[in-house]
Amino acid sequence: MTRQIKSIIIHCSTTPNGKHFSVEEIDRWHRQRDFKRSAEFRQRQNHKLAAIGYHFVIYTNGSVASGRHFDEIGAHAQGYNGKSIGVCLIGTDKFTLSQWKSLEKNVCGLVTDIMLLQGDSETPRVLGCRDLLGVPQNCPGFSVTDWLANNMRPLPGHILVQSEIEDAE
């Protein structure tokens, strides 16, 4: 790892809860906002994704898709991208049990990987985009602080049930 990672920032796609959206669609949205990835990192990972700002995207079925390379600076939280990893949940404020489980596994794995790769005893902070100064306050649609305090278990009122899921992945 060549860059110092100090935080993992959780986002949501701000799309209808339970509806599938792909990394390719997010890439298209980010391209429309003039986000860009370098040719070097595109060669290393996901060469077809020209603009995606997130490092990981968690689909409604719980599968995790990669976006930017781990060493690549993200485009997900202006002013915080250089020292963070961006993780995005598909949806807005309700997520499937599979998404919650994948979020927990992804965050725990990232914390371990970052600490091992950096040879650092400092644990990276896990934050919601809404916890950052100068960043929109509606993303993700739940409190990451409360989720962490709840031992990374799904938060009541933020669980999407099967009948609310629109498209299979």
N, C-alpha and C. Protein backbone atom coordinates (compact mmCIF):
# COMPACT_ATOMS: atom_id res chain seq x y z
N MET A 1 0.86 -1.18 0.00
CA MET A 1 0.00 0.00 0.00
C MET A 1 0.90 1.23 0.00
N THR A 2 0.58 2.15 -0.86
CA THR A 2 1.43 3.33 -0.99
C THR A 2 0.86 4.57 -0.33
N ARG A 3 -0.41 4.58 0.00
CA ARG A 3 -0.97 5.77 0.64
C ARG A 3 -1.46 5.45 2.04
N GLN A 4 -1.44 6.44 2.91
CA GLN A 4 -1.91 6.27 4.29
C GLN A 4 -3.43 6.33 4.32
N ILE A 5 -4.06 5.32 4.86
CA ILE A 5 -5.51 5.29 5.01
C ILE A 5 -5.83 5.54 6.48
N LYS A 6 -6.60 6.58 6.74
CA LYS A 6 -6.98 6.94 8.11
C LYS A 6 -8.45 6.64 8.41
N SER A 7 -9.27 6.47 7.34
CA SER A 7 -10.69 6.24 7.58
C SER A 7 -11.34 5.41 6.47
N ILE A 8 -12.42 4.79 6.87
CA ILE A 8 -13.31 4.07 5.96
C ILE A 8 -14.62 4.84 6.02
N ILE A 9 -15.06 5.33 4.87
CA ILE A 9 -16.26 6.16 4.84
C ILE A 9 -17.40 5.40 4.17
N ILE A 10 -18.51 5.28 4.91
CA ILE A 10 -19.69 4.56 4.43
C ILE A 10 -20.63 5.54 3.73
N HIS A 11 -21.12 5.12 2.58
CA HIS A 11 -22.04 5.92 1.76
C HIS A 11 -23.26 5.07 1.41
N CYS A 12 -24.26 5.72 0.84
CA CYS A 12 -25.36 5.02 0.20
C CYS A 12 -25.48 5.60 -1.21
N SER A 13 -26.10 4.85 -2.11
CA SER A 13 -26.22 5.30 -3.49
C SER A 13 -27.35 6.31 -3.67
N THR A 14 -28.14 6.53 -2.64
CA THR A 14 -29.29 7.44 -2.67
C THR A 14 -30.20 7.08 -3.84
N THR A 15 -30.49 5.79 -3.92
CA THR A 15 -31.39 5.25 -4.93
C THR A 15 -32.54 4.57 -4.20
N PRO A 16 -33.62 4.21 -4.92
CA PRO A 16 -34.74 3.56 -4.24
C PRO A 16 -34.29 2.30 -3.50
N ASN A 17 -34.72 2.18 -2.25
CA ASN A 17 -34.39 1.00 -1.46
C ASN A 17 -34.88 -0.26 -2.18
N GLY A 18 -34.01 -1.28 -2.22
CA GLY A 18 -34.39 -2.56 -2.78
C GLY A 18 -34.25 -2.68 -4.28
N LYS A 19 -33.91 -1.62 -4.96
CA LYS A 19 -33.75 -1.66 -6.42
C LYS A 19 -32.27 -1.82 -6.77
N HIS A 20 -32.00 -2.74 -7.67
CA HIS A 20 -30.61 -3.03 -8.05
C HIS A 20 -30.03 -1.93 -8.95
N PHE A 21 -28.82 -1.53 -8.64
CA PHE A 21 -28.02 -0.67 -9.49
C PHE A 21 -26.61 -1.26 -9.49
N SER A 22 -25.93 -1.19 -10.62
CA SER A 22 -24.62 -1.83 -10.78
C SER A 22 -23.48 -0.81 -10.68
N VAL A 23 -22.27 -1.33 -10.55
CA VAL A 23 -21.10 -0.44 -10.55
C VAL A 23 -20.99 0.29 -11.88
N GLU A 24 -21.44 -0.36 -12.96
CA GLU A 24 -21.41 0.30 -14.27
C GLU A 24 -22.34 1.51 -14.30
N GLU A 25 -23.50 1.39 -13.67
CA GLU A 25 -24.42 2.53 -13.60
C GLU A 25 -23.84 3.64 -12.73
N ILE A 26 -23.25 3.28 -11.60
CA ILE A 26 -22.61 4.28 -10.73
C ILE A 26 -21.46 4.95 -11.48
N ASP A 27 -20.71 4.16 -12.23
CA ASP A 27 -19.62 4.72 -13.04
C ASP A 27 -20.16 5.76 -14.02
N ARG A 28 -21.29 5.46 -14.66
CA ARG A 28 -21.90 6.40 -15.60
C ARG A 28 -22.31 7.70 -14.88
N TRP A 29 -22.92 7.58 -13.68
CA TRP A 29 -23.31 8.77 -12.91
C TRP A 29 -22.08 9.60 -12.56
N HIS A 30 -21.01 8.92 -12.14
CA HIS A 30 -19.81 9.63 -11.74
C HIS A 30 -19.10 10.25 -12.95
N ARG A 31 -19.18 9.60 -14.10
CA ARG A 31 -18.62 10.17 -15.33
C ARG A 31 -19.37 11.46 -15.69
N GLN A 32 -20.70 11.47 -15.51
CA GLN A 32 -21.51 12.66 -15.77
C GLN A 32 -21.13 13.82 -14.83
N ARG A 33 -20.57 13.49 -13.67
CA ARG A 33 -20.12 14.52 -12.72
C ARG A 33 -18.64 14.86 -12.93
N ASP A 34 -18.07 14.35 -14.02
CA ASP A 34 -16.68 14.61 -14.41
C ASP A 34 -15.64 13.98 -13.48
N PHE A 35 -15.99 12.90 -12.80
CA PHE A 35 -14.99 12.14 -12.05
C PHE A 35 -14.15 11.39 -13.08
N LYS A 36 -12.88 11.15 -12.76
CA LYS A 36 -11.99 10.43 -13.67
C LYS A 36 -11.07 9.51 -12.88
N ARG A 37 -10.70 8.42 -13.52
CA ARG A 37 -9.69 7.53 -12.96
C ARG A 37 -8.47 7.57 -13.87
N SER A 38 -7.30 7.39 -13.30
CA SER A 38 -6.09 7.42 -14.11
C SER A 38 -5.97 6.13 -14.94
N ALA A 39 -5.29 6.25 -16.06
CA ALA A 39 -5.07 5.09 -16.93
C ALA A 39 -4.29 4.00 -16.17
N GLU A 40 -3.34 4.42 -15.33
CA GLU A 40 -2.53 3.45 -14.57
C GLU A 40 -3.42 2.57 -13.69
N PHE A 41 -4.31 3.19 -12.93
CA PHE A 41 -5.16 2.39 -12.05
C PHE A 41 -6.22 1.62 -12.82
N ARG A 42 -6.68 2.17 -13.93
CA ARG A 42 -7.65 1.43 -14.75
C ARG A 42 -7.02 0.16 -15.30
N GLN A 43 -5.73 0.21 -15.62
CA GLN A 43 -5.03 -0.99 -16.08
C GLN A 43 -4.91 -2.01 -14.96
N ARG A 44 -4.75 -1.54 -13.74
CA ARG A 44 -4.55 -2.43 -12.60
C ARG A 44 -5.85 -3.09 -12.14
N GLN A 45 -6.97 -2.37 -12.27
CA GLN A 45 -8.24 -2.91 -11.77
C GLN A 45 -9.42 -2.22 -12.47
N ASN A 46 -10.37 -3.03 -12.90
CA ASN A 46 -11.64 -2.54 -13.47
C ASN A 46 -11.42 -1.53 -14.59
N HIS A 47 -10.73 -1.98 -15.63
CA HIS A 47 -10.38 -1.07 -16.73
C HIS A 47 -11.60 -0.45 -17.42
N LYS A 48 -12.74 -1.08 -17.34
CA LYS A 48 -13.95 -0.53 -17.98
C LYS A 48 -14.60 0.58 -17.16
N LEU A 49 -14.25 0.69 -15.89
CA LEU A 49 -14.83 1.72 -15.02
C LEU A 49 -13.95 2.97 -15.07
N ALA A 50 -14.41 3.97 -15.82
CA ALA A 50 -13.59 5.16 -16.07
C ALA A 50 -13.70 6.22 -14.99
N ALA A 51 -14.75 6.14 -14.14
CA ALA A 51 -14.99 7.28 -13.26
C ALA A 51 -15.44 6.91 -11.84
N ILE A 52 -15.82 5.69 -11.59
CA ILE A 52 -16.41 5.35 -10.28
C ILE A 52 -15.55 5.91 -9.14
N GLY A 53 -16.22 6.48 -8.15
CA GLY A 53 -15.51 7.11 -7.05
C GLY A 53 -15.30 6.23 -5.85
N TYR A 54 -16.10 5.15 -5.73
CA TYR A 54 -16.04 4.26 -4.56
C TYR A 54 -15.03 3.14 -4.77
N HIS A 55 -14.55 2.60 -3.68
CA HIS A 55 -13.67 1.44 -3.73
C HIS A 55 -14.47 0.15 -3.72
N PHE A 56 -15.61 0.15 -3.02
CA PHE A 56 -16.47 -1.02 -2.93
C PHE A 56 -17.93 -0.60 -2.99
N VAL A 57 -18.75 -1.46 -3.61
CA VAL A 57 -20.19 -1.26 -3.68
C VAL A 57 -20.85 -2.55 -3.20
N ILE A 58 -21.82 -2.41 -2.29
CA ILE A 58 -22.51 -3.58 -1.74
C ILE A 58 -23.92 -3.63 -2.30
N TYR A 59 -24.17 -4.65 -3.13
CA TYR A 59 -25.48 -4.84 -3.78
C TYR A 59 -26.53 -5.33 -2.79
N THR A 60 -27.80 -5.25 -3.18
CA THR A 60 -28.88 -5.66 -2.30
C THR A 60 -28.81 -7.15 -1.93
N ASN A 61 -28.20 -7.96 -2.78
CA ASN A 61 -28.07 -9.40 -2.45
C ASN A 61 -26.87 -9.68 -1.56
N GLY A 62 -26.14 -8.63 -1.19
CA GLY A 62 -24.99 -8.77 -0.29
C GLY A 62 -23.66 -8.95 -0.99
N SER A 63 -23.67 -9.16 -2.30
CA SER A 63 -22.38 -9.31 -2.97
C SER A 63 -21.67 -7.96 -3.02
N VAL A 64 -20.35 -8.03 -2.99
CA VAL A 64 -19.52 -6.83 -2.96
C VAL A 64 -18.78 -6.72 -4.28
N ALA A 65 -18.97 -5.59 -4.95
CA ALA A 65 -18.28 -5.31 -6.21
C ALA A 65 -17.17 -4.31 -5.94
N SER A 66 -16.05 -4.49 -6.62
CA SER A 66 -14.95 -3.55 -6.47
C SER A 66 -15.10 -2.41 -7.46
N GLY A 67 -14.62 -1.26 -7.06
CA GLY A 67 -14.60 -0.08 -7.92
C GLY A 67 -13.16 0.33 -8.11
N ARG A 68 -12.74 1.36 -7.40
CA ARG A 68 -11.36 1.82 -7.50
C ARG A 68 -10.41 0.85 -6.79
N HIS A 69 -9.18 0.87 -7.23
CA HIS A 69 -8.12 0.09 -6.62
C HIS A 69 -7.88 0.60 -5.21
N PHE A 70 -7.51 -0.29 -4.32
CA PHE A 70 -7.26 0.03 -2.91
C PHE A 70 -6.28 1.19 -2.76
N ASP A 71 -5.24 1.23 -3.59
CA ASP A 71 -4.23 2.29 -3.52
C ASP A 71 -4.65 3.58 -4.23
N GLU A 72 -5.75 3.53 -4.93
CA GLU A 72 -6.21 4.68 -5.72
C GLU A 72 -7.02 5.65 -4.85
N ILE A 73 -6.74 6.92 -4.98
CA ILE A 73 -7.52 7.92 -4.25
C ILE A 73 -8.94 7.91 -4.78
N GLY A 74 -9.89 7.89 -3.87
CA GLY A 74 -11.30 7.85 -4.25
C GLY A 74 -11.84 9.19 -4.67
N ALA A 75 -13.11 9.19 -5.07
CA ALA A 75 -13.85 10.41 -5.39
C ALA A 75 -15.23 10.22 -4.77
N HIS A 76 -15.26 10.25 -3.43
CA HIS A 76 -16.51 9.94 -2.73
C HIS A 76 -16.81 10.90 -1.59
N ALA A 77 -15.83 11.63 -1.10
CA ALA A 77 -16.04 12.57 0.00
C ALA A 77 -14.99 13.68 -0.13
N GLN A 78 -15.36 14.73 -0.82
CA GLN A 78 -14.42 15.81 -1.12
C GLN A 78 -13.75 16.33 0.15
N GLY A 79 -12.43 16.41 0.07
CA GLY A 79 -11.64 16.86 1.20
C GLY A 79 -11.15 15.71 2.08
N TYR A 80 -11.67 14.50 1.85
CA TYR A 80 -11.32 13.33 2.67
C TYR A 80 -10.82 12.16 1.83
N ASN A 81 -10.84 12.30 0.53
CA ASN A 81 -10.54 11.19 -0.37
C ASN A 81 -9.12 10.66 -0.26
N GLY A 82 -8.15 11.52 -0.04
CA GLY A 82 -6.75 11.13 -0.06
C GLY A 82 -6.37 10.10 0.98
N LYS A 83 -7.07 10.09 2.12
CA LYS A 83 -6.71 9.18 3.20
C LYS A 83 -7.87 8.29 3.62
N SER A 84 -8.73 7.94 2.65
CA SER A 84 -9.90 7.12 3.00
C SER A 84 -10.21 6.08 1.92
N ILE A 85 -11.02 5.14 2.32
CA ILE A 85 -11.60 4.12 1.43
C ILE A 85 -13.10 4.37 1.45
N GLY A 86 -13.74 4.38 0.29
CA GLY A 86 -15.18 4.61 0.19
C GLY A 86 -15.94 3.32 -0.07
N VAL A 87 -16.95 3.06 0.78
CA VAL A 87 -17.81 1.88 0.64
C VAL A 87 -19.23 2.38 0.47
N CYS A 88 -19.92 1.92 -0.57
CA CYS A 88 -21.27 2.38 -0.89
C CYS A 88 -22.27 1.23 -0.83
N LEU A 89 -23.34 1.44 -0.08
CA LEU A 89 -24.46 0.50 -0.05
C LEU A 89 -25.50 0.93 -1.07
N ILE A 90 -26.00 0.01 -1.88
CA ILE A 90 -27.07 0.34 -2.82
C ILE A 90 -28.35 0.54 -2.02
N GLY A 91 -28.99 1.67 -2.20
CA GLY A 91 -30.20 2.03 -1.47
C GLY A 91 -30.01 3.39 -0.81
N THR A 92 -30.95 3.72 0.07
CA THR A 92 -30.87 5.01 0.75
C THR A 92 -30.84 4.87 2.26
N ASP A 93 -31.88 4.23 2.83
CA ASP A 93 -31.92 4.16 4.29
C ASP A 93 -32.41 2.82 4.83
N LYS A 94 -32.70 1.87 3.93
CA LYS A 94 -33.06 0.52 4.34
C LYS A 94 -32.24 -0.46 3.50
N PHE A 95 -31.66 -1.44 4.17
CA PHE A 95 -30.76 -2.37 3.50
C PHE A 95 -31.10 -3.79 3.90
N THR A 96 -30.84 -4.73 3.01
CA THR A 96 -31.15 -6.13 3.29
C THR A 96 -30.22 -6.66 4.38
N LEU A 97 -30.65 -7.75 5.01
CA LEU A 97 -29.78 -8.38 6.01
C LEU A 97 -28.46 -8.80 5.37
N SER A 98 -28.51 -9.22 4.11
CA SER A 98 -27.28 -9.59 3.40
C SER A 98 -26.36 -8.39 3.23
N GLN A 99 -26.92 -7.22 2.96
CA GLN A 99 -26.09 -6.02 2.85
C GLN A 99 -25.46 -5.66 4.19
N TRP A 100 -26.25 -5.72 5.25
CA TRP A 100 -25.71 -5.41 6.58
C TRP A 100 -24.57 -6.37 6.94
N LYS A 101 -24.76 -7.66 6.64
CA LYS A 101 -23.71 -8.65 6.94
C LYS A 101 -22.46 -8.37 6.11
N SER A 102 -22.65 -8.07 4.83
CA SER A 102 -21.50 -7.77 3.96
C SER A 102 -20.80 -6.49 4.39
N LEU A 103 -21.57 -5.50 4.83
CA LEU A 103 -20.96 -4.27 5.31
C LEU A 103 -20.06 -4.56 6.51
N GLU A 104 -20.56 -5.35 7.44
CA GLU A 104 -19.76 -5.71 8.62
C GLU A 104 -18.48 -6.44 8.20
N LYS A 105 -18.62 -7.46 7.33
CA LYS A 105 -17.44 -8.23 6.89
C LYS A 105 -16.46 -7.34 6.13
N ASN A 106 -16.98 -6.49 5.26
CA ASN A 106 -16.13 -5.62 4.46
C ASN A 106 -15.37 -4.65 5.35
N VAL A 107 -16.06 -4.00 6.27
CA VAL A 107 -15.41 -3.03 7.15
C VAL A 107 -14.39 -3.71 8.05
N CYS A 108 -14.75 -4.83 8.66
CA CYS A 108 -13.80 -5.55 9.52
C CYS A 108 -12.57 -5.99 8.74
N GLY A 109 -12.78 -6.51 7.53
CA GLY A 109 -11.67 -6.92 6.68
C GLY A 109 -10.79 -5.76 6.29
N LEU A 110 -11.41 -4.63 5.95
CA LEU A 110 -10.63 -3.45 5.58
C LEU A 110 -9.80 -2.93 6.74
N VAL A 111 -10.39 -2.88 7.93
CA VAL A 111 -9.64 -2.42 9.11
C VAL A 111 -8.41 -3.29 9.31
N THR A 112 -8.60 -4.61 9.25
CA THR A 112 -7.47 -5.54 9.42
C THR A 112 -6.43 -5.34 8.33
N ASP A 113 -6.87 -5.30 7.08
CA ASP A 113 -5.95 -5.15 5.94
C ASP A 113 -5.16 -3.85 6.04
N ILE A 114 -5.85 -2.77 6.34
CA ILE A 114 -5.18 -1.46 6.43
C ILE A 114 -4.12 -1.49 7.52
N MET A 115 -4.46 -2.02 8.67
CA MET A 115 -3.50 -2.06 9.77
C MET A 115 -2.30 -2.95 9.42
N LEU A 116 -2.54 -4.09 8.78
CA LEU A 116 -1.45 -4.98 8.40
C LEU A 116 -0.57 -4.35 7.32
N LEU A 117 -1.19 -3.79 6.29
CA LEU A 117 -0.43 -3.23 5.18
C LEU A 117 0.37 -2.00 5.57
N GLN A 118 -0.17 -1.22 6.49
CA GLN A 118 0.52 0.00 6.91
C GLN A 118 1.46 -0.25 8.07
N GLY A 119 1.41 -1.47 8.65
CA GLY A 119 2.25 -1.76 9.80
C GLY A 119 1.96 -0.80 10.93
N ASP A 120 0.69 -0.47 11.05
CA ASP A 120 0.27 0.58 11.96
C ASP A 120 -0.60 0.00 13.07
N SER A 121 -0.44 0.50 14.26
CA SER A 121 -1.30 0.05 15.34
C SER A 121 -2.53 0.96 15.48
N GLU A 122 -2.56 2.04 14.68
CA GLU A 122 -3.69 2.96 14.73
C GLU A 122 -4.84 2.41 13.89
N THR A 123 -5.98 2.18 14.53
CA THR A 123 -7.16 1.66 13.84
C THR A 123 -7.79 2.77 13.00
N PRO A 124 -8.05 2.50 11.71
CA PRO A 124 -8.73 3.52 10.91
C PRO A 124 -10.13 3.79 11.46
N ARG A 125 -10.55 5.03 11.37
CA ARG A 125 -11.89 5.41 11.82
C ARG A 125 -12.92 4.97 10.79
N VAL A 126 -14.07 4.53 11.28
CA VAL A 126 -15.18 4.17 10.41
C VAL A 126 -16.24 5.24 10.60
N LEU A 127 -16.58 5.92 9.50
CA LEU A 127 -17.47 7.07 9.55
C LEU A 127 -18.52 6.97 8.46
N GLY A 128 -19.62 7.66 8.67
CA GLY A 128 -20.59 7.86 7.61
C GLY A 128 -20.23 9.14 6.88
N CYS A 129 -20.55 9.20 5.62
CA CYS A 129 -20.31 10.42 4.85
C CYS A 129 -20.94 11.61 5.58
N ARG A 130 -22.10 11.39 6.17
CA ARG A 130 -22.82 12.46 6.87
C ARG A 130 -22.11 12.96 8.12
N ASP A 131 -21.09 12.24 8.58
CA ASP A 131 -20.33 12.64 9.76
C ASP A 131 -19.20 13.60 9.44
N LEU A 132 -18.98 13.86 8.16
CA LEU A 132 -17.86 14.68 7.73
C LEU A 132 -18.29 16.14 7.58
N LEU A 133 -17.44 17.05 8.00
CA LEU A 133 -17.73 18.47 7.86
C LEU A 133 -17.75 18.86 6.39
N GLY A 134 -18.77 19.62 5.99
CA GLY A 134 -18.85 20.12 4.63
C GLY A 134 -19.34 19.13 3.61
N VAL A 135 -19.86 18.00 4.06
CA VAL A 135 -20.35 16.96 3.16
C VAL A 135 -21.84 16.79 3.40
N PRO A 136 -22.64 16.47 2.37
CA PRO A 136 -24.09 16.32 2.55
C PRO A 136 -24.44 15.42 3.74
N GLN A 137 -25.45 15.82 4.48
CA GLN A 137 -25.80 15.16 5.73
C GLN A 137 -26.81 14.03 5.61
N ASN A 138 -27.19 13.63 4.40
CA ASN A 138 -28.21 12.58 4.25
C ASN A 138 -27.65 11.24 3.79
N CYS A 139 -26.34 11.13 3.77
CA CYS A 139 -25.71 9.92 3.27
C CYS A 139 -24.73 9.39 4.31
N PRO A 140 -24.80 8.13 4.69
CA PRO A 140 -25.89 7.22 4.36
C PRO A 140 -27.13 7.55 5.18
N GLY A 141 -28.21 6.89 4.87
CA GLY A 141 -29.49 7.16 5.52
C GLY A 141 -29.63 6.53 6.89
N PHE A 142 -28.51 6.30 7.56
CA PHE A 142 -28.50 5.78 8.94
C PHE A 142 -27.25 6.30 9.63
N SER A 143 -27.25 6.24 10.94
CA SER A 143 -26.08 6.69 11.71
C SER A 143 -25.05 5.57 11.81
N VAL A 144 -23.89 5.80 11.23
CA VAL A 144 -22.79 4.83 11.32
C VAL A 144 -22.34 4.72 12.78
N THR A 145 -22.36 5.81 13.50
CA THR A 145 -22.01 5.79 14.93
C THR A 145 -22.92 4.84 15.69
N ASP A 146 -24.23 4.92 15.43
CA ASP A 146 -25.19 4.02 16.09
C ASP A 146 -24.97 2.56 15.66
N TRP A 147 -24.66 2.35 14.38
CA TRP A 147 -24.40 0.99 13.87
C TRP A 147 -23.18 0.39 14.57
N LEU A 148 -22.13 1.17 14.72
CA LEU A 148 -20.93 0.69 15.41
C LEU A 148 -21.23 0.41 16.88
N ALA A 149 -21.99 1.30 17.52
CA ALA A 149 -22.36 1.11 18.93
C ALA A 149 -23.25 -0.11 19.13
N ASN A 150 -23.95 -0.52 18.06
CA ASN A 150 -24.83 -1.68 18.08
C ASN A 150 -24.06 -2.95 17.67
N ASN A 151 -22.74 -2.91 17.80
CA ASN A 151 -21.87 -4.03 17.43
C ASN A 151 -22.03 -4.45 15.98
N MET A 152 -22.23 -3.47 15.11
CA MET A 152 -22.35 -3.68 13.67
C MET A 152 -23.54 -4.57 13.30
N ARG A 153 -24.53 -4.59 14.14
CA ARG A 153 -25.76 -5.33 13.81
C ARG A 153 -26.71 -4.39 13.09
N PRO A 154 -27.59 -4.94 12.25
CA PRO A 154 -28.54 -4.10 11.52
C PRO A 154 -29.34 -3.21 12.48
N LEU A 155 -29.54 -1.98 12.08
CA LEU A 155 -30.26 -1.04 12.92
C LEU A 155 -31.77 -1.15 12.71
N PRO A 156 -32.54 -1.19 13.79
CA PRO A 156 -34.00 -1.23 13.66
C PRO A 156 -34.48 -0.05 12.81
N GLY A 157 -35.47 -0.34 11.96
CA GLY A 157 -36.01 0.69 11.08
C GLY A 157 -35.22 0.87 9.80
N HIS A 158 -34.09 0.18 9.69
CA HIS A 158 -33.25 0.30 8.50
C HIS A 158 -33.03 -1.05 7.82
N ILE A 159 -33.93 -1.99 8.08
CA ILE A 159 -33.82 -3.34 7.50
C ILE A 159 -34.86 -3.48 6.40
N LEU A 160 -34.39 -3.83 5.23
CA LEU A 160 -35.25 -4.04 4.06
C LEU A 160 -35.71 -5.49 4.05
N VAL A 161 -37.00 -5.70 3.98
CA VAL A 161 -37.52 -7.07 3.94
C VAL A 161 -37.67 -7.53 2.49
N GLN A 162 -37.70 -8.82 2.29
CA GLN A 162 -37.70 -9.42 0.95
C GLN A 162 -38.79 -8.84 0.04
N SER A 163 -39.97 -8.59 0.58
CA SER A 163 -41.08 -8.07 -0.24
C SER A 163 -40.81 -6.67 -0.78
N GLU A 164 -39.83 -5.96 -0.21
CA GLU A 164 -39.51 -4.60 -0.66
C GLU A 164 -38.41 -4.57 -1.73
N ILE A 165 -37.87 -5.73 -2.06
CA ILE A 165 -36.79 -5.78 -3.04
C ILE A 165 -37.38 -5.88 -4.43
N GLU A 166 -37.00 -4.93 -5.32
CA GLU A 166 -37.59 -4.84 -6.64
C GLU A 166 -36.98 -5.77 -7.67
N ASP A 167 -35.68 -5.81 -7.77
CA ASP A 167 -35.01 -6.59 -8.82
C ASP A 167 -34.00 -7.55 -8.21
N ALA A 168 -33.98 -8.77 -8.74
CA ALA A 168 -32.95 -9.73 -8.31
C ALA A 168 -31.63 -9.33 -8.95
N GLU A 169 -30.54 -9.63 -8.29
CA GLU A 169 -29.21 -9.28 -8.84
C GLU A 169 -28.78 -10.34 -9.82
